[in-house]
mmCIF file of all heavy atoms, coordinates in Angstrom:
data_MODEL
# 
_entry.id   MODEL 
# 
loop_
_atom_site.group_PDB 
_atom_site.id 
_atom_site.type_symbol 
_atom_site.label_atom_id 
_atom_site.label_alt_id 
_atom_site.label_comp_id 
_atom_site.label_asym_id 
_atom_site.label_entity_id 
_atom_site.label_seq_id 
_atom_site.pdbx_PDB_ins_code 
_atom_site.Cartn_x 
_atom_site.Cartn_y 
_atom_site.Cartn_z 
_atom_site.occupancy 
_atom_site.B_iso_or_equiv 
_atom_site.pdbx_formal_charge 
_atom_site.auth_seq_id 
_atom_site.auth_comp_id 
_atom_site.auth_asym_id 
_atom_site.auth_atom_id 
_atom_site.pdbx_PDB_model_num 
ATOM 1   N N   . VAL A 1 1  ? 0.405   -2.842 2.352   1.00 0.00 ? 1  VAL A N   1 
ATOM 2   C CA  . VAL A 1 1  ? 0.944   -2.063 1.233   1.00 0.00 ? 1  VAL A CA  1 
ATOM 3   C C   . VAL A 1 1  ? -0.141  -1.911 0.173   1.00 0.00 ? 1  VAL A C   1 
ATOM 4   O O   . VAL A 1 1  ? -1.078  -2.693 0.114   1.00 0.00 ? 1  VAL A O   1 
ATOM 5   C CB  . VAL A 1 1  ? 2.199   -2.707 0.622   1.00 0.00 ? 1  VAL A CB  1 
ATOM 6   C CG1 . VAL A 1 1  ? 3.354   -2.693 1.601   1.00 0.00 ? 1  VAL A CG1 1 
ATOM 7   C CG2 . VAL A 1 1  ? 1.932   -4.107 0.133   1.00 0.00 ? 1  VAL A CG2 1 
ATOM 8   N N   . ILE A 1 2  ? 0.028   -0.894 -0.684  1.00 0.00 ? 2  ILE A N   1 
ATOM 9   C CA  . ILE A 1 2  ? -0.876  -0.672 -1.815  1.00 0.00 ? 2  ILE A CA  1 
ATOM 10  C C   . ILE A 1 2  ? -0.280  -1.362 -3.032  1.00 0.00 ? 2  ILE A C   1 
ATOM 11  O O   . ILE A 1 2  ? 0.891   -1.139 -3.354  1.00 0.00 ? 2  ILE A O   1 
ATOM 12  C CB  . ILE A 1 2  ? -1.031  0.821  -2.112  1.00 0.00 ? 2  ILE A CB  1 
ATOM 13  C CG1 . ILE A 1 2  ? -1.470  1.597  -0.863  1.00 0.00 ? 2  ILE A CG1 1 
ATOM 14  C CG2 . ILE A 1 2  ? -1.981  1.052  -3.272  1.00 0.00 ? 2  ILE A CG2 1 
ATOM 15  C CD1 . ILE A 1 2  ? -2.859  1.316  -0.418  1.00 0.00 ? 2  ILE A CD1 1 
ATOM 16  N N   . VAL A 1 3  ? -1.073  -2.179 -3.708  1.00 0.00 ? 3  VAL A N   1 
ATOM 17  C CA  . VAL A 1 3  ? -0.604  -2.970 -4.850  1.00 0.00 ? 3  VAL A CA  1 
ATOM 18  C C   . VAL A 1 3  ? -1.460  -2.670 -6.076  1.00 0.00 ? 3  VAL A C   1 
ATOM 19  O O   . VAL A 1 3  ? -2.679  -2.548 -5.964  1.00 0.00 ? 3  VAL A O   1 
ATOM 20  C CB  . VAL A 1 3  ? -0.674  -4.473 -4.512  1.00 0.00 ? 3  VAL A CB  1 
ATOM 21  C CG1 . VAL A 1 3  ? -0.267  -5.336 -5.677  1.00 0.00 ? 3  VAL A CG1 1 
ATOM 22  C CG2 . VAL A 1 3  ? 0.186   -4.785 -3.297  1.00 0.00 ? 3  VAL A CG2 1 
ATOM 23  N N   . ASP A 1 4  ? -0.830  -2.540 -7.231  1.00 0.00 ? 4  ASP A N   1 
ATOM 24  C CA  . ASP A 1 4  ? -1.551  -2.379 -8.506  1.00 0.00 ? 4  ASP A CA  1 
ATOM 25  C C   . ASP A 1 4  ? -2.310  -3.678 -8.779  1.00 0.00 ? 4  ASP A C   1 
ATOM 26  O O   . ASP A 1 4  ? -1.735  -4.755 -8.790  1.00 0.00 ? 4  ASP A O   1 
ATOM 27  C CB  . ASP A 1 4  ? -0.574  -2.082 -9.631  1.00 0.00 ? 4  ASP A CB  1 
ATOM 28  C CG  . ASP A 1 4  ? -1.271  -1.751 -10.931 1.00 0.00 ? 4  ASP A CG  1 
ATOM 29  O OD1 . ASP A 1 4  ? -2.091  -2.577 -11.391 1.00 0.00 ? 4  ASP A OD1 1 
ATOM 30  O OD2 . ASP A 1 4  ? -0.978  -0.694 -11.493 1.00 0.00 ? 4  ASP A OD2 1 
ATOM 31  N N   . ALA A 1 5  ? -3.604  -3.562 -9.013  1.00 0.00 ? 5  ALA A N   1 
ATOM 32  C CA  . ALA A 1 5  ? -4.450  -4.751 -9.201  1.00 0.00 ? 5  ALA A CA  1 
ATOM 33  C C   . ALA A 1 5  ? -4.124  -5.516 -10.482 1.00 0.00 ? 5  ALA A C   1 
ATOM 34  O O   . ALA A 1 5  ? -4.285  -6.725 -10.537 1.00 0.00 ? 5  ALA A O   1 
ATOM 35  C CB  . ALA A 1 5  ? -5.916  -4.347 -9.196  1.00 0.00 ? 5  ALA A CB  1 
ATOM 36  N N   . MET A 1 6  ? -3.674  -4.809 -11.509 1.00 0.00 ? 6  MET A N   1 
ATOM 37  C CA  . MET A 1 6  ? -3.386  -5.469 -12.788 1.00 0.00 ? 6  MET A CA  1 
ATOM 38  C C   . MET A 1 6  ? -2.041  -6.185 -12.797 1.00 0.00 ? 6  MET A C   1 
ATOM 39  O O   . MET A 1 6  ? -1.931  -7.307 -13.260 1.00 0.00 ? 6  MET A O   1 
ATOM 40  C CB  . MET A 1 6  ? -3.424  -4.437 -13.921 1.00 0.00 ? 6  MET A CB  1 
ATOM 41  C CG  . MET A 1 6  ? -4.762  -3.753 -14.071 1.00 0.00 ? 6  MET A CG  1 
ATOM 42  S SD  . MET A 1 6  ? -6.070  -4.876 -14.575 1.00 0.00 ? 6  MET A SD  1 
ATOM 43  C CE  . MET A 1 6  ? -5.667  -5.054 -16.279 1.00 0.00 ? 6  MET A CE  1 
ATOM 44  N N   . THR A 1 7  ? -1.002  -5.529 -12.274 1.00 0.00 ? 7  THR A N   1 
ATOM 45  C CA  . THR A 1 7  ? 0.350   -6.069 -12.362 1.00 0.00 ? 7  THR A CA  1 
ATOM 46  C C   . THR A 1 7  ? 0.817   -6.761 -11.098 1.00 0.00 ? 7  THR A C   1 
ATOM 47  O O   . THR A 1 7  ? 1.749   -7.553 -11.154 1.00 0.00 ? 7  THR A O   1 
ATOM 48  C CB  . THR A 1 7  ? 1.368   -4.953 -12.684 1.00 0.00 ? 7  THR A CB  1 
ATOM 49  O OG1 . THR A 1 7  ? 1.373   -4.010 -11.627 1.00 0.00 ? 7  THR A OG1 1 
ATOM 50  C CG2 . THR A 1 7  ? 1.014   -4.264 -13.993 1.00 0.00 ? 7  THR A CG2 1 
ATOM 51  N N   . GLY A 1 8  ? 0.217   -6.432 -9.971  1.00 0.00 ? 8  GLY A N   1 
ATOM 52  C CA  . GLY A 1 8  ? 0.663   -7.006 -8.703  1.00 0.00 ? 8  GLY A CA  1 
ATOM 53  C C   . GLY A 1 8  ? 1.885   -6.287 -8.125  1.00 0.00 ? 8  GLY A C   1 
ATOM 54  O O   . GLY A 1 8  ? 2.469   -6.724 -7.135  1.00 0.00 ? 8  GLY A O   1 
ATOM 55  N N   . ARG A 1 9  ? 2.267   -5.185 -8.732  1.00 0.00 ? 9  ARG A N   1 
ATOM 56  C CA  . ARG A 1 9  ? 3.439   -4.436 -8.311  1.00 0.00 ? 9  ARG A CA  1 
ATOM 57  C C   . ARG A 1 9  ? 3.073   -3.495 -7.148  1.00 0.00 ? 9  ARG A C   1 
ATOM 58  O O   . ARG A 1 9  ? 1.998   -2.884 -7.159  1.00 0.00 ? 9  ARG A O   1 
ATOM 59  C CB  . ARG A 1 9  ? 3.948   -3.623 -9.493  1.00 0.00 ? 9  ARG A CB  1 
ATOM 60  C CG  . ARG A 1 9  ? 5.203   -2.882 -9.226  1.00 0.00 ? 9  ARG A CG  1 
ATOM 61  C CD  . ARG A 1 9  ? 5.704   -2.261 -10.505 1.00 0.00 ? 9  ARG A CD  1 
ATOM 62  N NE  . ARG A 1 9  ? 6.917   -1.503 -10.231 1.00 0.00 ? 9  ARG A NE  1 
ATOM 63  C CZ  . ARG A 1 9  ? 7.259   -0.411 -10.852 1.00 0.00 ? 9  ARG A CZ  1 
ATOM 64  N NH1 . ARG A 1 9  ? 6.513   0.036  -11.839 1.00 0.00 ? 9  ARG A NH1 1 
ATOM 65  N NH2 . ARG A 1 9  ? 8.361   0.201  -10.526 1.00 0.00 ? 9  ARG A NH2 1 
ATOM 66  N N   . VAL A 1 10 ? 3.966   -3.387 -6.173  1.00 0.00 ? 10 VAL A N   1 
ATOM 67  C CA  . VAL A 1 10 ? 3.722   -2.493 -5.036  1.00 0.00 ? 10 VAL A CA  1 
ATOM 68  C C   . VAL A 1 10 ? 3.788   -1.043 -5.507  1.00 0.00 ? 10 VAL A C   1 
ATOM 69  O O   . VAL A 1 10 ? 4.759   -0.625 -6.122  1.00 0.00 ? 10 VAL A O   1 
ATOM 70  C CB  . VAL A 1 10 ? 4.749   -2.743 -3.916  1.00 0.00 ? 10 VAL A CB  1 
ATOM 71  C CG1 . VAL A 1 10 ? 4.583   -1.715 -2.803  1.00 0.00 ? 10 VAL A CG1 1 
ATOM 72  C CG2 . VAL A 1 10 ? 4.618   -4.144 -3.371  1.00 0.00 ? 10 VAL A CG2 1 
ATOM 73  N N   . VAL A 1 11 ? 2.727   -0.299 -5.226  1.00 0.00 ? 11 VAL A N   1 
ATOM 74  C CA  . VAL A 1 11 ? 2.622   1.093  -5.638  1.00 0.00 ? 11 VAL A CA  1 
ATOM 75  C C   . VAL A 1 11 ? 3.060   2.018  -4.502  1.00 0.00 ? 11 VAL A C   1 
ATOM 76  O O   . VAL A 1 11 ? 3.718   3.017  -4.723  1.00 0.00 ? 11 VAL A O   1 
ATOM 77  C CB  . VAL A 1 11 ? 1.159   1.431  -6.046  1.00 0.00 ? 11 VAL A CB  1 
ATOM 78  C CG1 . VAL A 1 11 ? 1.014   2.892  -6.393  1.00 0.00 ? 11 VAL A CG1 1 
ATOM 79  C CG2 . VAL A 1 11 ? 0.739   0.559  -7.208  1.00 0.00 ? 11 VAL A CG2 1 
ATOM 80  N N   . ASP A 1 12 ? 2.693   1.685  -3.270  1.00 0.00 ? 12 ASP A N   1 
ATOM 81  C CA  . ASP A 1 12 ? 3.031   2.502  -2.114  1.00 0.00 ? 12 ASP A CA  1 
ATOM 82  C C   . ASP A 1 12 ? 3.236   1.610  -0.901  1.00 0.00 ? 12 ASP A C   1 
ATOM 83  O O   . ASP A 1 12 ? 2.401   0.759  -0.614  1.00 0.00 ? 12 ASP A O   1 
ATOM 84  C CB  . ASP A 1 12 ? 1.918   3.518  -1.848  1.00 0.00 ? 12 ASP A CB  1 
ATOM 85  C CG  . ASP A 1 12 ? 2.295   4.569  -0.812  1.00 0.00 ? 12 ASP A CG  1 
ATOM 86  O OD1 . ASP A 1 12 ? 3.466   4.615  -0.402  1.00 0.00 ? 12 ASP A OD1 1 
ATOM 87  O OD2 . ASP A 1 12 ? 1.411   5.338  -0.442  1.00 0.00 ? 12 ASP A OD2 1 
ATOM 88  N N   . SER A 1 13 ? 4.347   1.824  -0.208  1.00 0.00 ? 13 SER A N   1 
ATOM 89  C CA  . SER A 1 13 ? 4.622   1.030  0.988   1.00 0.00 ? 13 SER A CA  1 
ATOM 90  C C   . SER A 1 13 ? 4.994   1.888  2.186   1.00 0.00 ? 13 SER A C   1 
ATOM 91  O O   . SER A 1 13 ? 5.687   1.427  3.097   1.00 0.00 ? 13 SER A O   1 
ATOM 92  C CB  . SER A 1 13 ? 5.764   0.051  0.703   1.00 0.00 ? 13 SER A CB  1 
ATOM 93  O OG  . SER A 1 13 ? 6.961   0.763  0.448   1.00 0.00 ? 13 SER A OG  1 
ATOM 94  N N   . ALA A 1 14 ? 4.579   3.145  2.191   1.00 0.00 ? 14 ALA A N   1 
ATOM 95  C CA  . ALA A 1 14 ? 4.870   4.077  3.291   1.00 0.00 ? 14 ALA A CA  1 
ATOM 96  C C   . ALA A 1 14 ? 6.372   4.149  3.552   1.00 0.00 ? 14 ALA A C   1 
ATOM 97  O O   . ALA A 1 14 ? 6.831   3.930  4.668   1.00 0.00 ? 14 ALA A O   1 
ATOM 98  C CB  . ALA A 1 14 ? 4.106   3.691  4.552   1.00 0.00 ? 14 ALA A CB  1 
ATOM 99  N N   . LYS A 1 15 ? 7.109   4.428  2.490   1.00 0.00 ? 15 LYS A N   1 
ATOM 100 C CA  . LYS A 1 15 ? 8.573   4.557  2.561   1.00 0.00 ? 15 LYS A CA  1 
ATOM 101 C C   . LYS A 1 15 ? 9.233   3.287  3.086   1.00 0.00 ? 15 LYS A C   1 
ATOM 102 O O   . LYS A 1 15 ? 10.223  3.330  3.798   1.00 0.00 ? 15 LYS A O   1 
ATOM 103 C CB  . LYS A 1 15 ? 8.973   5.751  3.413   1.00 0.00 ? 15 LYS A CB  1 
ATOM 104 C CG  . LYS A 1 15 ? 8.528   7.068  2.813   1.00 0.00 ? 15 LYS A CG  1 
ATOM 105 C CD  . LYS A 1 15 ? 9.054   8.229  3.608   1.00 0.00 ? 15 LYS A CD  1 
ATOM 106 C CE  . LYS A 1 15 ? 8.587   9.521  3.000   1.00 0.00 ? 15 LYS A CE  1 
ATOM 107 N NZ  . LYS A 1 15 ? 9.073   10.674 3.743   1.00 0.00 ? 15 LYS A NZ  1 
ATOM 108 N N   . GLY A 1 16 ? 8.656   2.136  2.757   1.00 0.00 ? 16 GLY A N   1 
ATOM 109 C CA  . GLY A 1 16 ? 9.258   0.868  3.134   1.00 0.00 ? 16 GLY A CA  1 
ATOM 110 C C   . GLY A 1 16 ? 8.852   0.326  4.489   1.00 0.00 ? 16 GLY A C   1 
ATOM 111 O O   . GLY A 1 16 ? 9.257   -0.765 4.873   1.00 0.00 ? 16 GLY A O   1 
ATOM 112 N N   . TYR A 1 17 ? 8.016   1.064  5.215   1.00 0.00 ? 17 TYR A N   1 
ATOM 113 C CA  . TYR A 1 17 ? 7.593   0.622  6.538   1.00 0.00 ? 17 TYR A CA  1 
ATOM 114 C C   . TYR A 1 17 ? 6.259   -0.098 6.519   1.00 0.00 ? 17 TYR A C   1 
ATOM 115 O O   . TYR A 1 17 ? 5.961   -0.868 7.415   1.00 0.00 ? 17 TYR A O   1 
ATOM 116 C CB  . TYR A 1 17 ? 7.484   1.815  7.498   1.00 0.00 ? 17 TYR A CB  1 
ATOM 117 C CG  . TYR A 1 17 ? 8.825   2.417  7.824   1.00 0.00 ? 17 TYR A CG  1 
ATOM 118 C CD1 . TYR A 1 17 ? 9.245   3.587  7.213   1.00 0.00 ? 17 TYR A CD1 1 
ATOM 119 C CD2 . TYR A 1 17 ? 9.677   1.811  8.731   1.00 0.00 ? 17 TYR A CD2 1 
ATOM 120 C CE1 . TYR A 1 17 ? 10.473  4.153  7.509   1.00 0.00 ? 17 TYR A CE1 1 
ATOM 121 C CE2 . TYR A 1 17 ? 10.913  2.344  9.018   1.00 0.00 ? 17 TYR A CE2 1 
ATOM 122 C CZ  . TYR A 1 17 ? 11.304  3.513  8.411   1.00 0.00 ? 17 TYR A CZ  1 
ATOM 123 O OH  . TYR A 1 17 ? 12.528  4.051  8.692   1.00 0.00 ? 17 TYR A OH  1 
ATOM 124 N N   . GLY A 1 18 ? 5.440   0.163  5.525   1.00 0.00 ? 18 GLY A N   1 
ATOM 125 C CA  . GLY A 1 18 ? 4.107   -0.419 5.467   1.00 0.00 ? 18 GLY A CA  1 
ATOM 126 C C   . GLY A 1 18 ? 3.141   0.361  6.337   1.00 0.00 ? 18 GLY A C   1 
ATOM 127 O O   . GLY A 1 18 ? 3.545   1.096  7.232   1.00 0.00 ? 18 GLY A O   1 
ATOM 128 N N   . TYR A 1 19 ? 1.869   0.215  6.041   1.00 0.00 ? 19 TYR A N   1 
ATOM 129 C CA  . TYR A 1 19 ? 0.822   0.900  6.813   1.00 0.00 ? 19 TYR A CA  1 
ATOM 130 C C   . TYR A 1 19 ? 0.350   -0.023 7.921   1.00 0.00 ? 19 TYR A C   1 
ATOM 131 O O   . TYR A 1 19 ? 0.343   -1.233 7.776   1.00 0.00 ? 19 TYR A O   1 
ATOM 132 C CB  . TYR A 1 19 ? -0.342  1.276  5.902   1.00 0.00 ? 19 TYR A CB  1 
ATOM 133 C CG  . TYR A 1 19 ? 0.021   2.339  4.897   1.00 0.00 ? 19 TYR A CG  1 
ATOM 134 C CD1 . TYR A 1 19 ? 0.388   1.994  3.601   1.00 0.00 ? 19 TYR A CD1 1 
ATOM 135 C CD2 . TYR A 1 19 ? 0.048   3.669  5.267   1.00 0.00 ? 19 TYR A CD2 1 
ATOM 136 C CE1 . TYR A 1 19 ? 0.753   2.977  2.688   1.00 0.00 ? 19 TYR A CE1 1 
ATOM 137 C CE2 . TYR A 1 19 ? 0.409   4.652  4.355   1.00 0.00 ? 19 TYR A CE2 1 
ATOM 138 C CZ  . TYR A 1 19 ? 0.754   4.293  3.064   1.00 0.00 ? 19 TYR A CZ  1 
ATOM 139 O OH  . TYR A 1 19 ? 1.124   5.255  2.172   1.00 0.00 ? 19 TYR A OH  1 
ATOM 140 N N   . THR A 1 20 ? -0.092  0.577  9.031   1.00 0.00 ? 20 THR A N   1 
ATOM 141 C CA  . THR A 1 20 ? -0.479  -0.222 10.188  1.00 0.00 ? 20 THR A CA  1 
ATOM 142 C C   . THR A 1 20 ? -1.890  -0.808 10.079  1.00 0.00 ? 20 THR A C   1 
ATOM 143 O O   . THR A 1 20 ? -2.208  -1.729 10.817  1.00 0.00 ? 20 THR A O   1 
ATOM 144 C CB  . THR A 1 20 ? -0.400  0.613  11.471  1.00 0.00 ? 20 THR A CB  1 
ATOM 145 O OG1 . THR A 1 20 ? -1.185  1.793  11.316  1.00 0.00 ? 20 THR A OG1 1 
ATOM 146 C CG2 . THR A 1 20 ? 1.033   0.984  11.773  1.00 0.00 ? 20 THR A CG2 1 
ATOM 147 N N   . SER A 1 21 ? -2.718  -0.263 9.170   1.00 0.00 ? 21 SER A N   1 
ATOM 148 C CA  . SER A 1 21 ? -4.064  -0.815 9.009   1.00 0.00 ? 21 SER A CA  1 
ATOM 149 C C   . SER A 1 21 ? -4.516  -0.701 7.561   1.00 0.00 ? 21 SER A C   1 
ATOM 150 O O   . SER A 1 21 ? -3.996  0.124  6.800   1.00 0.00 ? 21 SER A O   1 
ATOM 151 C CB  . SER A 1 21 ? -5.061  -0.088 9.908   1.00 0.00 ? 21 SER A CB  1 
ATOM 152 O OG  . SER A 1 21 ? -5.331  1.186  9.416   1.00 0.00 ? 21 SER A OG  1 
ATOM 153 N N   . TYR A 1 22 ? -5.475  -1.514 7.225   1.00 0.00 ? 22 TYR A N   1 
ATOM 154 C CA  . TYR A 1 22 ? -6.057  -1.479 5.875   1.00 0.00 ? 22 TYR A CA  1 
ATOM 155 C C   . TYR A 1 22 ? -6.650  -0.107 5.596   1.00 0.00 ? 22 TYR A C   1 
ATOM 156 O O   . TYR A 1 22 ? -6.446  0.481  4.549   1.00 0.00 ? 22 TYR A O   1 
ATOM 157 C CB  . TYR A 1 22 ? -7.151  -2.570 5.802   1.00 0.00 ? 22 TYR A CB  1 
ATOM 158 C CG  . TYR A 1 22 ? -7.903  -2.594 4.499   1.00 0.00 ? 22 TYR A CG  1 
ATOM 159 C CD1 . TYR A 1 22 ? -7.470  -3.424 3.473   1.00 0.00 ? 22 TYR A CD1 1 
ATOM 160 C CD2 . TYR A 1 22 ? -9.017  -1.787 4.289   1.00 0.00 ? 22 TYR A CD2 1 
ATOM 161 C CE1 . TYR A 1 22 ? -8.163  -3.455 2.268   1.00 0.00 ? 22 TYR A CE1 1 
ATOM 162 C CE2 . TYR A 1 22 ? -9.710  -1.815 3.095   1.00 0.00 ? 22 TYR A CE2 1 
ATOM 163 C CZ  . TYR A 1 22 ? -9.270  -2.641 2.088   1.00 0.00 ? 22 TYR A CZ  1 
ATOM 164 O OH  . TYR A 1 22 ? -9.935  -2.661 0.896   1.00 0.00 ? 22 TYR A OH  1 
ATOM 165 N N   . LYS A 1 23 ? -7.392  0.402  6.584   1.00 0.00 ? 23 LYS A N   1 
ATOM 166 C CA  . LYS A 1 23 ? -8.079  1.688  6.436   1.00 0.00 ? 23 LYS A CA  1 
ATOM 167 C C   . LYS A 1 23 ? -7.091  2.827  6.228   1.00 0.00 ? 23 LYS A C   1 
ATOM 168 O O   . LYS A 1 23 ? -7.316  3.714  5.390   1.00 0.00 ? 23 LYS A O   1 
ATOM 169 C CB  . LYS A 1 23 ? -8.879  1.939  7.717   1.00 0.00 ? 23 LYS A CB  1 
ATOM 170 C CG  . LYS A 1 23 ? -10.282 2.365  7.509   1.00 0.00 ? 23 LYS A CG  1 
ATOM 171 C CD  . LYS A 1 23 ? -10.962 2.407  8.868   1.00 0.00 ? 23 LYS A CD  1 
ATOM 172 C CE  . LYS A 1 23 ? -12.182 3.280  8.776   1.00 0.00 ? 23 LYS A CE  1 
ATOM 173 N NZ  . LYS A 1 23 ? -12.894 3.363  10.009  1.00 0.00 ? 23 LYS A NZ  1 
ATOM 174 N N   . LYS A 1 24 ? -6.007  2.848  6.983   1.00 0.00 ? 24 LYS A N   1 
ATOM 175 C CA  . LYS A 1 24 ? -5.013  3.913  6.857   1.00 0.00 ? 24 LYS A CA  1 
ATOM 176 C C   . LYS A 1 24 ? -4.295  3.845  5.518   1.00 0.00 ? 24 LYS A C   1 
ATOM 177 O O   . LYS A 1 24 ? -3.995  4.887  4.931   1.00 0.00 ? 24 LYS A O   1 
ATOM 178 C CB  . LYS A 1 24 ? -3.999  3.831  8.000   1.00 0.00 ? 24 LYS A CB  1 
ATOM 179 C CG  . LYS A 1 24 ? -4.560  4.272  9.315   1.00 0.00 ? 24 LYS A CG  1 
ATOM 180 C CD  . LYS A 1 24 ? -3.503  4.209  10.402  1.00 0.00 ? 24 LYS A CD  1 
ATOM 181 C CE  . LYS A 1 24 ? -4.087  4.627  11.713  1.00 0.00 ? 24 LYS A CE  1 
ATOM 182 N NZ  . LYS A 1 24 ? -3.084  4.596  12.793  1.00 0.00 ? 24 LYS A NZ  1 
ATOM 183 N N   . ALA A 1 25 ? -4.031  2.652  5.052   1.00 0.00 ? 25 ALA A N   1 
ATOM 184 C CA  . ALA A 1 25 ? -3.349  2.496  3.760   1.00 0.00 ? 25 ALA A CA  1 
ATOM 185 C C   . ALA A 1 25 ? -4.218  3.062  2.637   1.00 0.00 ? 25 ALA A C   1 
ATOM 186 O O   . ALA A 1 25 ? -3.733  3.824  1.795   1.00 0.00 ? 25 ALA A O   1 
ATOM 187 C CB  . ALA A 1 25 ? -3.044  1.025  3.502   1.00 0.00 ? 25 ALA A CB  1 
ATOM 188 N N   . LEU A 1 26 ? -5.464  2.712  2.631   1.00 0.00 ? 26 LEU A N   1 
ATOM 189 C CA  . LEU A 1 26 ? -6.365  3.180  1.594   1.00 0.00 ? 26 LEU A CA  1 
ATOM 190 C C   . LEU A 1 26 ? -6.597  4.686  1.673   1.00 0.00 ? 26 LEU A C   1 
ATOM 191 O O   . LEU A 1 26 ? -6.587  5.379  0.670   1.00 0.00 ? 26 LEU A O   1 
ATOM 192 C CB  . LEU A 1 26 ? -7.692  2.422  1.682   1.00 0.00 ? 26 LEU A CB  1 
ATOM 193 C CG  . LEU A 1 26 ? -8.601  2.487  0.475   1.00 0.00 ? 26 LEU A CG  1 
ATOM 194 C CD1 . LEU A 1 26 ? -7.871  2.038  -0.788  1.00 0.00 ? 26 LEU A CD1 1 
ATOM 195 C CD2 . LEU A 1 26 ? -9.824  1.632  0.682   1.00 0.00 ? 26 LEU A CD2 1 
ATOM 196 N N   . ALA A 1 27 ? -6.768  5.203  2.879   1.00 0.00 ? 27 ALA A N   1 
ATOM 197 C CA  . ALA A 1 27 ? -6.980  6.641  3.060   1.00 0.00 ? 27 ALA A CA  1 
ATOM 198 C C   . ALA A 1 27 ? -5.762  7.440  2.601   1.00 0.00 ? 27 ALA A C   1 
ATOM 199 O O   . ALA A 1 27 ? -5.903  8.458  1.929   1.00 0.00 ? 27 ALA A O   1 
ATOM 200 C CB  . ALA A 1 27 ? -7.284  6.938  4.529   1.00 0.00 ? 27 ALA A CB  1 
ATOM 201 N N   . CYS A 1 28 ? -4.589  6.979  2.924   1.00 0.00 ? 28 CYS A N   1 
ATOM 202 C CA  . CYS A 1 28 ? -3.365  7.677  2.521   1.00 0.00 ? 28 CYS A CA  1 
ATOM 203 C C   . CYS A 1 28 ? -3.194  7.649  1.009   1.00 0.00 ? 28 CYS A C   1 
ATOM 204 O O   . CYS A 1 28 ? -2.840  8.655  0.398   1.00 0.00 ? 28 CYS A O   1 
ATOM 205 C CB  . CYS A 1 28 ? -2.167  7.059  3.201   1.00 0.00 ? 28 CYS A CB  1 
ATOM 206 S SG  . CYS A 1 28 ? -0.668  8.007  2.932   1.00 0.00 ? 28 CYS A SG  1 
# 
């Protein structure tokens, strides 16, 4: 998942499913 570095809050989780790889999460 993508997390805000300052607050630790989840910013994006691919509609609750999560991304399958680090690279895909960052690219999306």
